[in-house]
Protein backbone atom coordinates (compact mmCIF):
# COMPACT_ATOMS: atom_id res chain seq x y z
CA UNK A 1 61.03 7.63 -13.74
CA UNK A 2 60.88 4.80 -11.20
CA UNK A 3 61.17 7.37 -8.39
CA UNK A 4 58.16 9.30 -9.76
CA UNK A 5 56.14 6.08 -9.95
CA UNK A 6 57.12 5.28 -6.35
CA UNK A 7 56.03 8.77 -5.20
CA UNK A 8 52.73 8.46 -7.08
CA UNK A 9 52.10 5.10 -5.40
CA UNK A 10 52.82 6.58 -1.98
CA UNK A 11 50.49 9.51 -2.71
CA UNK A 12 47.76 7.11 -3.87
CA UNK A 13 48.20 5.08 -0.69
CA UNK A 14 47.90 8.20 1.52
CA UNK A 15 44.81 9.44 -0.35
CA UNK A 16 43.19 5.99 -0.18
CA UNK A 17 43.91 5.82 3.55
CA UNK A 18 42.36 9.26 4.13
CA UNK A 19 39.29 8.33 2.07
CA UNK A 20 38.93 5.07 4.00
CA UNK A 21 39.14 6.92 7.31
CA UNK A 22 36.62 9.51 6.09
CA UNK A 23 34.22 6.77 4.96
CA UNK A 24 34.60 5.07 8.33
CA UNK A 25 33.83 8.35 10.07
CA UNK A 26 30.83 8.95 7.81
CA UNK A 27 29.66 5.42 8.57
CA UNK A 28 29.91 6.07 12.30
CA UNK A 29 28.00 9.34 11.92
CA UNK A 30 25.35 7.66 9.81
CA UNK A 31 24.98 4.88 12.38
CA UNK A 32 24.60 7.58 15.03
CA UNK A 33 21.91 9.28 12.98
CA UNK A 34 20.11 5.98 12.45
CA UNK A 35 20.23 5.34 16.20
CA UNK A 36 18.83 8.78 16.89
CA UNK A 37 16.02 8.29 14.42
CA UNK A 38 15.10 4.82 15.70
CA UNK A 39 15.09 5.09 19.47
CA UNK A 40 11.84 3.15 19.63
CA UNK A 41 13.36 0.37 17.53
CA UNK A 42 16.28 0.13 19.97
CA UNK A 43 13.78 -0.48 22.78
CA UNK A 44 11.88 -2.96 20.61
CA UNK A 45 15.10 -4.93 20.11
CA UNK A 46 14.98 -5.90 23.80
CA UNK A 47 12.01 -8.13 23.00
CA UNK A 48 13.22 -10.63 20.39
CA UNK A 49 11.53 -13.84 19.31
CA UNK A 50 13.25 -17.14 18.47
CA UNK A 51 14.21 -15.77 15.05
CA UNK A 52 15.87 -12.72 16.57
CA UNK A 53 13.12 -10.34 15.39
CA UNK A 54 11.44 -7.70 17.60
CA UNK A 55 8.18 -9.22 18.81
CA UNK A 56 5.11 -7.61 20.37
CA UNK A 57 4.15 -11.06 21.66
CA UNK A 58 7.42 -11.29 23.63
CA UNK A 59 6.77 -7.81 25.02
CA UNK A 60 3.25 -8.82 26.08
CA UNK A 61 4.54 -11.97 27.80
CA UNK A 62 7.23 -9.96 29.61
CA UNK A 63 4.57 -7.68 31.13
CA UNK A 64 2.06 -10.50 31.70
CA UNK A 65 -0.56 -9.10 29.30
CA UNK A 66 -0.34 -11.77 26.61
CA UNK A 67 -3.82 -13.30 25.92
CA UNK A 68 -3.57 -17.02 26.71
CA UNK A 69 -6.37 -19.49 25.91
CA UNK A 70 -7.89 -16.88 23.62
CA UNK A 71 -11.28 -17.65 22.08
CA UNK A 72 -12.29 -15.26 19.29
CA UNK A 73 -15.81 -14.92 17.96
CA UNK A 74 -16.80 -12.96 14.86
CA UNK A 75 -20.34 -11.66 14.28
CA UNK A 76 -21.50 -9.75 11.17
CA UNK A 77 -23.88 -6.79 11.47
CA UNK A 78 -25.78 -4.67 8.96
CA UNK A 79 -26.94 -1.12 9.64
CA UNK A 80 -29.48 1.02 7.81
CA UNK A 81 -31.32 4.30 8.32
CA UNK A 82 -35.09 4.51 7.79
CA UNK A 83 -37.93 6.99 8.39
CA UNK A 84 -39.30 6.70 11.90
CA UNK A 85 -42.76 5.71 10.63
CA UNK A 86 -41.25 2.57 9.04
CA UNK A 87 -40.68 1.02 12.48
CA UNK A 88 -43.24 -0.26 15.01
CA UNK A 89 -42.72 -0.95 18.69
CA UNK A 90 -45.25 -3.37 20.16
CA UNK A 91 -44.63 -4.11 23.83
CA UNK A 92 -40.89 -3.70 23.34
CA UNK A 93 -40.86 -5.83 20.18
CA UNK A 94 -39.30 -3.57 17.54
CA UNK A 95 -39.99 -4.45 13.91
CA UNK A 96 -39.31 -2.86 10.54
CA UNK A 97 -42.72 -2.71 8.84
CA UNK A 98 -41.67 -0.87 5.67
CA UNK A 99 -38.54 -1.49 3.66
CA UNK A 100 -39.15 0.63 0.56
CA UNK A 101 -36.91 3.46 1.79
CA UNK A 102 -33.55 2.31 3.14
CA UNK A 103 -30.72 4.81 3.47
CA UNK A 104 -26.96 4.39 3.83
CA UNK A 105 -26.51 0.62 3.92
CA UNK A 106 -23.49 -0.31 6.02
CA UNK A 107 -21.76 -3.37 7.44
CA UNK A 108 -19.26 -4.15 10.19
CA UNK A 109 -17.83 -7.15 12.00
CA UNK A 110 -17.65 -7.29 15.78
CA UNK A 111 -14.90 -9.49 17.15
CA UNK A 112 -15.29 -10.74 20.69
CA UNK A 113 -12.24 -12.09 22.44
CA UNK A 114 -12.19 -14.07 25.69
CA UNK A 115 -8.81 -14.87 27.21
CA UNK A 116 -6.77 -15.24 30.39
CA UNK A 117 -3.72 -13.25 31.44
CA UNK A 118 -1.76 -12.35 34.55
CA UNK A 119 -2.28 -8.63 34.04
CA UNK A 120 -4.46 -6.31 32.03
CA UNK A 121 -3.04 -3.27 30.23
CA UNK A 122 -5.19 -0.25 31.13
CA UNK A 123 -4.65 2.51 28.54
CA UNK A 124 -3.54 5.93 29.76
CA UNK A 125 -5.13 8.57 27.52
CA UNK A 126 -3.86 11.59 29.49
CA UNK A 127 -0.55 11.64 27.61
CA UNK A 128 1.44 10.32 24.69
CA UNK A 129 5.00 9.23 23.86
CA UNK A 130 7.10 10.61 21.03
CA UNK A 131 10.76 10.66 20.00
CA UNK A 132 12.79 13.86 20.32
CA UNK A 133 16.55 14.42 20.64
CA UNK A 134 17.17 10.67 20.98
CA UNK A 135 14.76 10.42 23.90
CA UNK A 136 11.35 8.84 24.31
CA UNK A 137 9.52 11.87 25.64
CA UNK A 138 6.23 11.81 27.53
CA UNK A 139 3.82 14.63 26.72
CA UNK A 140 1.01 15.06 29.26
CA UNK A 141 -2.33 16.80 28.75
CA UNK A 142 -3.62 19.51 31.05
CA UNK A 143 -6.84 21.52 31.13
CA UNK A 144 -4.75 24.50 32.23
CA UNK A 145 -1.46 24.12 30.34
CA UNK A 146 -2.49 22.02 27.30
CA UNK A 147 0.25 19.51 26.38
CA UNK A 148 3.70 19.77 27.97
CA UNK A 149 6.72 17.41 27.99
CA UNK A 150 6.69 16.18 31.59
CA UNK A 151 9.33 13.44 31.48
CA UNK A 152 10.95 10.66 29.48
CA UNK A 153 11.65 6.94 29.57
CA UNK A 154 15.26 6.04 30.31
CA UNK A 155 17.25 3.13 28.86
CA UNK A 156 15.61 0.83 31.43
CA UNK A 157 12.15 1.95 30.28
CA UNK A 158 11.50 3.72 33.57
CA UNK A 159 9.52 6.94 33.57
CA UNK A 160 11.67 9.87 34.72
CA UNK A 161 9.76 13.12 35.42
CA UNK A 162 11.33 16.40 34.35
CA UNK A 163 10.39 20.07 34.16
CA UNK A 164 8.91 22.55 36.62
CA UNK A 165 5.44 21.03 36.55
CA UNK A 166 2.91 20.80 39.34
CA UNK A 167 1.37 17.33 39.36
CA UNK A 168 -1.99 18.89 40.26
CA UNK A 169 -2.17 20.31 36.71
CA UNK A 170 -1.59 16.97 34.95
CA UNK A 171 -3.75 13.88 35.55
CA UNK A 172 -0.89 11.74 34.20
CA UNK A 173 1.48 12.91 36.95
CA UNK A 174 -1.02 11.87 39.61
CA UNK A 175 -0.32 8.23 38.71
CA UNK A 176 2.60 6.68 40.66
CA UNK A 177 5.59 7.02 38.35
CA UNK A 178 6.57 3.35 38.62
CA UNK A 179 3.07 2.44 37.37
CA UNK A 180 3.46 4.32 34.07
CA UNK A 181 4.61 2.07 31.22
CA UNK A 182 4.72 2.36 27.46
CA UNK A 183 4.31 -0.13 24.64
CA UNK A 184 7.12 0.45 22.09
CA UNK A 185 5.18 -1.45 19.42
CA UNK A 186 1.84 0.37 19.74
CA UNK A 187 3.51 3.53 21.10
CA UNK A 188 0.89 3.90 23.82
CA UNK A 189 0.98 4.47 27.57
CA UNK A 190 -0.61 2.02 29.99
CA UNK A 191 -0.88 0.85 33.59
CA UNK A 192 -0.87 -2.77 34.75
CA UNK A 193 -3.88 -4.16 36.54
CA UNK A 194 -3.39 -7.63 38.12
CA UNK A 195 -5.96 -10.14 36.85
CA UNK A 196 -5.16 -13.18 38.99
CA UNK A 197 -5.72 -15.39 35.94
CA UNK A 198 -9.35 -14.26 35.64
CA UNK A 199 -11.10 -14.27 32.28
CA UNK A 200 -10.91 -11.01 30.34
CA UNK A 201 -13.05 -9.96 27.38
CA UNK A 202 -12.72 -7.30 24.73
CA UNK A 203 -14.70 -6.19 21.70
CA UNK A 204 -13.53 -4.63 18.45
CA UNK A 205 -15.52 -3.28 15.52
CA UNK A 206 -14.08 -3.67 12.02
CA UNK A 207 -15.63 -1.62 9.22
CA UNK A 208 -15.41 -2.01 5.45
CA UNK A 209 -13.20 -2.77 3.61
CA UNK A 210 -12.41 -6.02 5.45
CA UNK A 211 -9.30 -8.16 5.16
CA UNK A 212 -10.16 -11.51 3.56
CA UNK A 213 -7.95 -14.57 3.09
CA UNK A 214 -8.24 -17.46 0.65
CA UNK A 215 -8.96 -20.87 2.15
CA UNK A 216 -5.64 -22.15 0.89
CA UNK A 217 -3.93 -19.26 2.69
CA UNK A 218 -2.74 -15.79 1.79
CA UNK A 219 -4.37 -12.37 2.11
CA UNK A 220 -6.50 -11.46 -0.92
CA UNK A 221 -5.71 -8.22 -2.73
CA UNK A 222 -7.92 -5.76 -4.62
CA UNK A 223 -11.12 -6.93 -2.94
CA UNK A 224 -14.16 -4.70 -3.59
CA UNK A 225 -17.32 -4.82 -1.45
CA UNK A 226 -20.93 -4.05 -2.23
CA UNK A 227 -24.10 -4.19 -0.11
CA UNK A 228 -27.20 -5.13 -2.07
CA UNK A 229 -30.81 -4.72 -0.99
CA UNK A 230 -33.12 -7.32 -2.52
CA UNK A 231 -36.44 -5.59 -1.90
CA UNK A 232 -38.72 -8.49 -2.83
CA UNK A 233 -37.15 -10.79 -0.21
CA UNK A 234 -36.15 -8.06 2.28
CA UNK A 235 -32.56 -9.27 2.16
CA UNK A 236 -29.39 -7.31 2.77
CA UNK A 237 -26.39 -9.10 1.26
CA UNK A 238 -22.72 -8.19 1.43
CA UNK A 239 -20.78 -9.27 -1.67
CA UNK A 240 -17.06 -9.27 -2.37
CA UNK A 241 -15.67 -8.95 -5.90
CA UNK A 242 -12.39 -10.88 -6.16
CA UNK A 243 -10.66 -11.47 -9.49
CA UNK A 244 -13.94 -10.76 -11.32
CA UNK A 245 -15.79 -13.24 -9.13
CA UNK A 246 -18.80 -12.22 -7.07
CA UNK A 247 -18.95 -13.99 -3.72
CA UNK A 248 -21.43 -13.64 -0.87
CA UNK A 249 -19.92 -12.76 2.51
CA UNK A 250 -22.95 -12.30 4.78
CA UNK A 251 -26.69 -11.61 4.74
CA UNK A 252 -29.69 -10.78 6.89
CA UNK A 253 -33.46 -10.58 6.42
CA UNK A 254 -34.47 -7.17 7.72
CA UNK A 255 -38.07 -8.29 8.28
CA UNK A 256 -37.09 -11.32 10.34
CA UNK A 257 -33.60 -10.70 11.74
CA UNK A 258 -33.15 -9.44 15.27
CA UNK A 259 -32.80 -5.67 15.60
CA UNK A 260 -29.80 -5.29 17.89
CA UNK A 261 -30.08 -1.53 18.41
CA UNK A 262 -32.29 1.39 17.46
CA UNK A 263 -30.92 4.91 17.57
CA UNK A 264 -32.73 8.15 16.78
CA UNK A 265 -30.88 10.11 14.14
CA UNK A 266 -29.39 13.55 14.70
CA UNK A 267 -30.94 15.99 12.21
CA UNK A 268 -29.26 19.41 12.46
CA UNK A 269 -30.29 22.67 10.81
CA UNK A 270 -28.36 23.10 7.57
CA UNK A 271 -27.46 25.98 5.28
CA UNK A 272 -25.80 26.00 1.87
CA UNK A 273 -22.61 23.91 1.84
CA UNK A 274 -24.02 20.98 3.82
CA UNK A 275 -26.55 18.24 3.05
CA UNK A 276 -28.02 15.13 4.68
CA UNK A 277 -30.03 12.25 3.25
CA UNK A 278 -33.58 11.48 4.37
CA UNK A 279 -36.43 13.67 5.52
CA UNK A 280 -38.08 14.19 8.88
CA UNK A 281 -37.33 11.96 11.81
CA UNK A 282 -35.02 9.05 11.04
CA UNK A 283 -33.86 5.96 12.90
CA UNK A 284 -30.61 4.02 12.59
CA UNK A 285 -31.12 0.26 12.94
CA UNK A 286 -28.55 -2.49 13.46
CA UNK A 287 -29.33 -6.10 12.48
CA UNK A 288 -27.44 -9.24 13.34
CA UNK A 289 -26.43 -11.09 10.17
CA UNK A 290 -24.98 -14.50 9.32
CA UNK A 291 -21.96 -15.52 7.26
CA UNK A 292 -22.42 -17.39 4.00
CA UNK A 293 -21.40 -21.02 3.52
CA UNK A 294 -18.29 -19.85 1.65
CA UNK A 295 -16.93 -18.20 4.81
CA UNK A 296 -14.87 -19.92 7.49
CA UNK A 297 -13.31 -18.34 10.56
CA UNK A 298 -9.98 -19.01 12.21
CA UNK A 299 -9.45 -16.79 15.20
CA UNK A 300 -9.43 -13.22 13.95
CA UNK A 301 -9.07 -14.20 10.27
CA UNK A 302 -11.93 -14.47 7.75
CA UNK A 303 -11.40 -17.06 5.00
CA UNK A 304 -13.43 -17.41 1.82
CA UNK A 305 -13.80 -20.38 -0.56
CA UNK A 306 -13.43 -19.17 -4.15
CA UNK A 307 -13.84 -22.53 -5.91
CA UNK A 308 -16.54 -23.17 -8.50
CA UNK A 309 -17.53 -19.51 -8.76
CA UNK A 310 -18.37 -18.08 -12.15
CA UNK A 311 -16.60 -14.95 -13.31
CA UNK A 312 -18.52 -11.71 -13.40
CA UNK A 313 -17.11 -8.53 -14.90
CA UNK A 314 -17.18 -5.63 -12.47
CA UNK A 315 -16.38 -1.99 -12.82
CA UNK A 316 -15.84 -0.67 -9.33
CA UNK A 317 -14.24 2.68 -8.59
CA UNK A 318 -13.36 4.80 -5.60
CA UNK A 319 -14.78 8.01 -7.04
CA UNK A 320 -16.55 9.96 -4.31
CA UNK A 321 -19.77 11.95 -4.64
CA UNK A 322 -20.71 14.25 -1.76
CA UNK A 323 -24.33 13.17 -1.39
CA UNK A 324 -24.71 11.67 2.09
CA UNK A 325 -24.68 8.11 0.74
CA UNK A 326 -21.43 6.56 1.88
CA UNK A 327 -21.35 3.50 -0.41
CA UNK A 328 -18.42 5.05 -2.31
CA UNK A 329 -16.30 5.14 0.88
CA UNK A 330 -16.79 1.45 1.77
CA UNK A 331 -13.86 0.33 -0.42
CA UNK A 332 -11.41 3.05 0.59
CA UNK A 333 -8.93 2.07 3.27
CA UNK A 334 -8.21 4.47 6.11
CA UNK A 335 -7.02 4.40 9.69
CA UNK A 336 -9.05 3.29 12.68
CA UNK A 337 -9.19 5.04 16.02
CA UNK A 338 -9.75 3.36 19.36
CA UNK A 339 -13.26 3.71 20.72
CA UNK A 340 -13.63 5.62 24.01
CA UNK A 341 -10.06 6.97 24.15
CA UNK A 342 -11.15 9.74 26.49
CA UNK A 343 -8.93 12.28 28.25
CA UNK A 344 -9.92 12.35 31.92
CA UNK A 345 -10.62 16.07 32.29
CA UNK A 346 -12.80 16.15 29.14
CA UNK A 347 -16.36 14.87 28.87
CA UNK A 348 -16.78 11.34 27.50
CA UNK A 349 -18.67 12.63 24.50
CA UNK A 350 -19.53 10.02 21.84
CA UNK A 351 -20.07 12.80 19.28
CA UNK A 352 -16.34 13.59 19.39
CA UNK A 353 -15.17 9.97 19.69
CA UNK A 354 -13.53 9.22 16.34
CA UNK A 355 -13.61 5.66 14.99
CA UNK A 356 -12.35 6.04 11.39
CA UNK A 357 -10.55 8.50 9.13
CA UNK A 358 -10.09 8.20 5.35
CA UNK A 359 -8.77 10.41 2.57
CA UNK A 360 -8.79 10.26 -1.24
CA UNK A 361 -8.55 12.72 -4.13
CA UNK A 362 -9.05 13.39 -7.82
CA UNK A 363 -7.38 15.99 -10.02
CA UNK A 364 -9.36 18.90 -8.52
CA UNK A 365 -10.51 17.97 -5.02
CA UNK A 366 -9.28 16.23 -1.91
CA UNK A 367 -11.92 14.27 0.02
CA UNK A 368 -12.06 13.44 3.74
CA UNK A 369 -14.23 11.01 5.69
CA UNK A 370 -14.74 10.38 9.39
CA UNK A 371 -16.98 8.19 11.54
CA UNK A 372 -17.76 8.92 15.21
CA UNK A 373 -19.53 6.87 17.87
CA UNK A 374 -22.32 9.44 18.12
CA UNK A 375 -23.16 12.21 15.65
CA UNK A 376 -21.10 14.94 14.01
CA UNK A 377 -22.18 18.48 14.88
CA UNK A 378 -24.42 17.70 17.87
CA UNK A 379 -23.82 20.45 20.42
CA UNK A 380 -26.92 21.05 22.49
CA UNK A 381 -28.95 24.24 22.08
CA UNK A 382 -26.05 26.66 22.70
CA UNK A 383 -22.89 24.67 22.16
CA UNK A 384 -20.15 24.59 19.49
CA UNK A 385 -18.62 21.79 17.42
CA UNK A 386 -15.49 21.89 15.24
CA UNK A 387 -14.12 19.37 12.74
CA UNK A 388 -10.70 19.99 11.19
CA UNK A 389 -7.93 18.30 9.24
CA UNK A 390 -4.30 18.67 10.27
CA UNK A 391 -2.26 18.78 7.03
CA UNK A 392 1.54 18.86 7.01
CA UNK A 393 2.01 19.98 3.40
CA UNK A 394 5.83 19.68 3.44
CA UNK A 395 6.25 16.68 5.80
CA UNK A 396 8.25 18.98 8.07
CA UNK A 397 7.21 19.09 11.75
CA UNK A 398 9.11 22.37 12.20
CA UNK A 399 6.72 24.33 9.97
CA UNK A 400 3.17 25.16 10.99
CA UNK A 401 2.37 24.41 14.60
CA UNK A 402 2.42 21.12 16.53
CA UNK A 403 -1.15 20.51 17.75
CA UNK A 404 -1.57 20.41 21.54
CA UNK A 405 1.90 21.85 22.17
CA UNK A 406 0.43 25.33 21.88
CA UNK A 407 -2.85 26.91 23.00
CA UNK A 408 -6.25 25.28 23.13
CA UNK A 409 -6.03 21.87 21.47
CA UNK A 410 -6.30 18.53 23.19
CA UNK A 411 -4.70 15.49 21.56
CA UNK A 412 -1.07 15.18 20.52
CA UNK A 413 -0.42 14.96 16.78
CA UNK A 414 3.23 14.35 15.81
CA UNK A 415 3.22 16.53 12.68
CA UNK A 416 3.51 20.21 11.85
CA UNK A 417 0.03 21.54 11.00
CA UNK A 418 0.40 23.94 8.06
CA UNK A 419 -3.08 23.89 6.51
CA UNK A 420 -6.58 22.86 7.51
CA UNK A 421 -10.03 22.30 6.05
CA UNK A 422 -12.72 22.75 8.70
CA UNK A 423 -16.41 23.04 9.48
CA UNK A 424 -18.30 24.51 12.43
CA UNK A 425 -21.68 23.91 14.10
CA UNK A 426 -23.29 26.21 16.67
CA UNK A 427 -26.44 25.25 18.59
CA UNK A 428 -27.07 22.14 16.46
CA UNK A 429 -26.87 24.26 13.30
CA UNK A 430 -24.28 24.03 10.52
CA UNK A 431 -22.58 27.43 10.27
CA UNK A 432 -19.73 27.21 7.77
CA UNK A 433 -16.85 25.45 6.14
CA UNK A 434 -13.52 27.25 6.02
CA UNK A 435 -9.76 26.92 5.50
CA UNK A 436 -6.91 27.48 7.93
CA UNK A 437 -3.26 28.34 7.40
CA UNK A 438 -0.54 28.36 10.05
CA UNK A 439 2.75 29.79 8.86
CA UNK A 440 4.74 33.00 8.67
CA UNK A 441 2.52 36.08 8.80
CA UNK A 442 -1.24 36.42 9.19
CA UNK A 443 -4.06 38.43 7.51
CA UNK A 444 -1.95 40.16 4.87
CA UNK A 445 -0.38 36.95 3.58
CA UNK A 446 -3.66 35.01 3.51
CA UNK A 447 -5.56 37.76 1.71
CA UNK A 448 -2.78 38.07 -0.89
CA UNK A 449 -2.82 34.29 -1.40
CA UNK A 450 0.98 34.05 -1.19
CA UNK A 451 1.91 32.01 1.85
CA UNK A 452 5.24 31.25 3.50
CA UNK A 453 5.72 28.04 5.43
CA UNK A 454 7.50 28.31 8.75
CA UNK A 455 7.16 27.92 12.52
CA UNK A 456 3.96 29.46 13.79
CA UNK A 457 1.29 29.40 16.49
CA UNK A 458 -2.37 28.56 16.80
CA UNK A 459 -3.49 31.57 18.82
CA UNK A 460 -3.33 35.29 17.96
CA UNK A 461 -1.83 36.08 21.35
CA UNK A 462 0.63 34.42 23.71
CA UNK A 463 -0.16 33.34 27.27
CA UNK A 464 0.50 36.89 28.48
CA UNK A 465 -1.95 38.41 26.03
CA UNK A 466 0.71 39.88 23.72
CA UNK A 467 -0.15 39.98 20.00
CA UNK A 468 1.88 37.61 17.84
CA UNK A 469 3.02 38.40 14.31
CA UNK A 470 2.41 34.91 12.89
CA UNK A 471 -0.46 32.65 13.83
CA UNK A 472 -3.24 30.56 12.36
CA UNK A 473 -5.58 32.41 10.01
CA UNK A 474 -9.03 31.14 9.01
CA UNK A 475 -10.53 32.18 5.69
CA UNK A 476 -13.28 31.45 3.17
CA UNK A 477 -13.86 31.97 -0.54
CA UNK A 478 -17.27 33.41 -1.42
CA UNK A 479 -18.52 34.95 -4.64
CA UNK A 480 -15.02 35.17 -6.08
CA UNK A 481 -13.48 36.92 -3.05
CA UNK A 482 -11.47 35.80 -0.04
CA UNK A 483 -12.36 36.78 3.52
CA UNK A 484 -10.77 36.06 6.90
CA UNK A 485 -13.10 34.50 9.46
CA UNK A 486 -13.61 34.19 13.20
CA UNK A 487 -15.64 31.84 15.41
CA UNK A 488 -19.43 32.30 15.43
CA UNK A 489 -19.37 33.89 11.95
CA UNK A 490 -21.85 32.35 9.52
CA UNK A 491 -21.01 31.93 5.84
CA UNK A 492 -19.50 28.82 4.30
CA UNK A 493 -16.62 28.67 1.82
CA UNK A 494 -17.82 28.00 -1.73
CA UNK A 495 -15.02 25.47 -2.33
CA UNK A 496 -15.62 23.20 0.69
CA UNK A 497 -18.85 21.20 1.03
CA UNK A 498 -19.92 18.47 3.45
CA UNK A 499 -22.60 15.81 3.68
CA UNK A 500 -23.78 13.92 6.76
CA UNK A 501 -25.10 10.38 6.91
CA UNK A 502 -28.82 10.15 7.84
CA UNK A 503 -27.93 9.53 11.50
CA UNK A 504 -24.96 11.96 11.57
CA UNK A 505 -22.38 9.34 12.53
CA UNK A 506 -20.49 9.72 9.22
CA UNK A 507 -19.41 12.85 7.38
CA UNK A 508 -17.74 13.38 4.00
CA UNK A 509 -15.95 16.60 3.10
CA UNK A 510 -14.79 17.86 -0.32
CA UNK A 511 -12.22 20.67 -0.49
CA UNK A 512 -10.94 22.20 -3.70
CA UNK A 513 -7.15 21.94 -3.67
CA UNK A 514 -6.70 25.45 -5.11
CA UNK A 515 -8.41 26.77 -1.98
CA UNK A 516 -5.32 25.94 0.10
CA UNK A 517 -3.53 28.73 -1.87
CA UNK A 518 0.12 29.03 -2.99
CA UNK A 519 3.51 29.68 -1.47
CA UNK A 520 5.62 32.78 -2.21
CA UNK A 521 7.25 30.98 -5.17
CA UNK A 522 3.83 30.44 -6.76
CA UNK A 523 3.59 26.70 -6.00
CA UNK A 524 0.22 25.41 -4.81
CA UNK A 525 0.36 23.94 -1.31
CA UNK A 526 -1.97 21.11 -2.36
CA UNK A 527 -1.65 19.67 -5.85
CA UNK A 528 -1.09 16.46 -7.78
CA UNK A 529 2.27 14.91 -6.90
CA UNK A 530 2.51 16.37 -3.40
CA UNK A 531 3.22 14.04 -0.48
CA UNK A 532 1.55 15.08 2.77
CA UNK A 533 1.07 13.86 6.33
CA UNK A 534 -2.51 14.20 7.52
CA UNK A 535 -4.76 13.56 10.51
CA UNK A 536 -8.18 14.79 11.63
CA UNK A 537 -9.56 16.14 14.89
CA UNK A 538 -12.96 16.93 16.38
CA UNK A 539 -13.95 18.89 19.46
CA UNK A 540 -17.27 20.05 20.81
CA UNK A 541 -19.22 21.16 23.84
CA UNK A 542 -21.42 18.60 25.56
CA UNK A 543 -24.64 20.46 26.37
CA UNK A 544 -26.66 17.70 24.73
CA UNK A 545 -25.47 15.46 27.59
CA UNK A 546 -26.01 18.13 30.27
CA UNK A 547 -22.29 18.66 30.76
CA UNK A 548 -20.33 21.90 30.75
CA UNK A 549 -17.11 20.16 29.67
CA UNK A 550 -15.95 19.70 26.11
CA UNK A 551 -15.11 16.46 24.37
CA UNK A 552 -12.30 15.98 21.83
CA UNK A 553 -10.42 13.35 19.86
CA UNK A 554 -7.82 13.12 17.11
CA UNK A 555 -7.09 10.33 14.66
CA UNK A 556 -3.88 8.52 13.91
CA UNK A 557 -1.68 10.18 11.30
CA UNK A 558 -1.70 9.00 7.68
CA UNK A 559 1.96 9.50 6.79
CA UNK A 560 3.21 9.93 3.23
CA UNK A 561 -0.16 10.27 1.49
CA UNK A 562 0.52 11.04 -2.16
CA UNK A 563 -1.95 13.21 -4.04
CA UNK A 564 -2.22 11.48 -7.42
């Protein structure tokens, strides 16, 4: 009996030892996987602050681009759209003479920063960095070859070129290699430009909703904004609703305040499926405002005094109506996009320069919003303009196609694009809305409505002109039927509609989720409960600016958006 107990103890010891070794091995493998998934974090760990945390400030100081002696100013602005006959211009003195019809009230803050630094970081827009196979890869853009991986950053953060590429095809490779750097915190490429301690300035526009802090410290949550027009006094007032309290943020008198800019609105030809507020010729006006007495500024932070304010019940919601009035988007957070992030071989087209991207949904529809510097859909008399979402419906970059890594796209998007909602303009005329699917198969699968996710391509043919068997298909739903579509074909999809702001700078899009179809198991690709990764892109010809080159831009990715 004692012998059996001894043997059992020995066996238990051996098994425990094996399990311990296995757990150790699993731990090592897991650590390896973590390292592979967090290459950028490993680089970030080279720049630690006094607390031992990765610090962008330490990185900036290492490269001499930290803003010393920084002075930050914050100026509020209101924008409106009005009929052209409501404005007079007397010897260059522009005045708003009628204020009975104001369209699309908007507000933004412009932050001006003056500082000194040893160097200035000049952004490089002709490429991007991404992580692949435990390397920080550099993808470069080419007018001939689209995006290709042209090198990587080694453990010393030095750019190492790789691949059989001719530098003449890639503007990025025409920069001396030792001058190409990347920021592991912003994940952007840049060059250093010596400043010799000269003063530098930069401007940044911040749109609604704004971040507000209480005077006693701490960022305020659940803030809702509203712009009110008091017609009798010609006032525009921005209010914030915080904990059922209504507080004034800023105001301007549109009859007396300085008109900072006047821009003629873009008014395209429209067919069914698109709308735009206002009639005839419209102008977009920007007024300089002033902060209320409850507001105080500290650098880039806006503080508000909430004392002695009476409560006021509010019922705000983020429900969206596609009507060309963008008040219902002002309280929806999105992602910003850097102004004038132009690729060198494309035209610097403000109509394709994205500034904002937002998304929301209800039980039936998914809604998209974008703002550009210029106007959506402006092409010139013979040009084309495309707006499209990139939707990774399974959060798997290996299904769909990776934009810019194949065929004729421009900006790198680090997701797999499975499905798209899109619209098209030709010759300053709205032509259609439509869907796109990029997976296994083509016409047959789309027309049947049973789709299979998998690796695919954007173009019907490869670079040698050979027909592919799986590529992106574009389709519409009209009068109860589904049709595949091509470029230049007029006829919008019944289940996607758009509306433009009066000046064209903003667009809202509503797509019925059922329109994205189902997979072969009968599951809808877009439905309540799904988690998706999503970005948006625009591209268009530049005939309006007398250029034969196209312009293009893509937004940052909204990762892990849950449809709920």
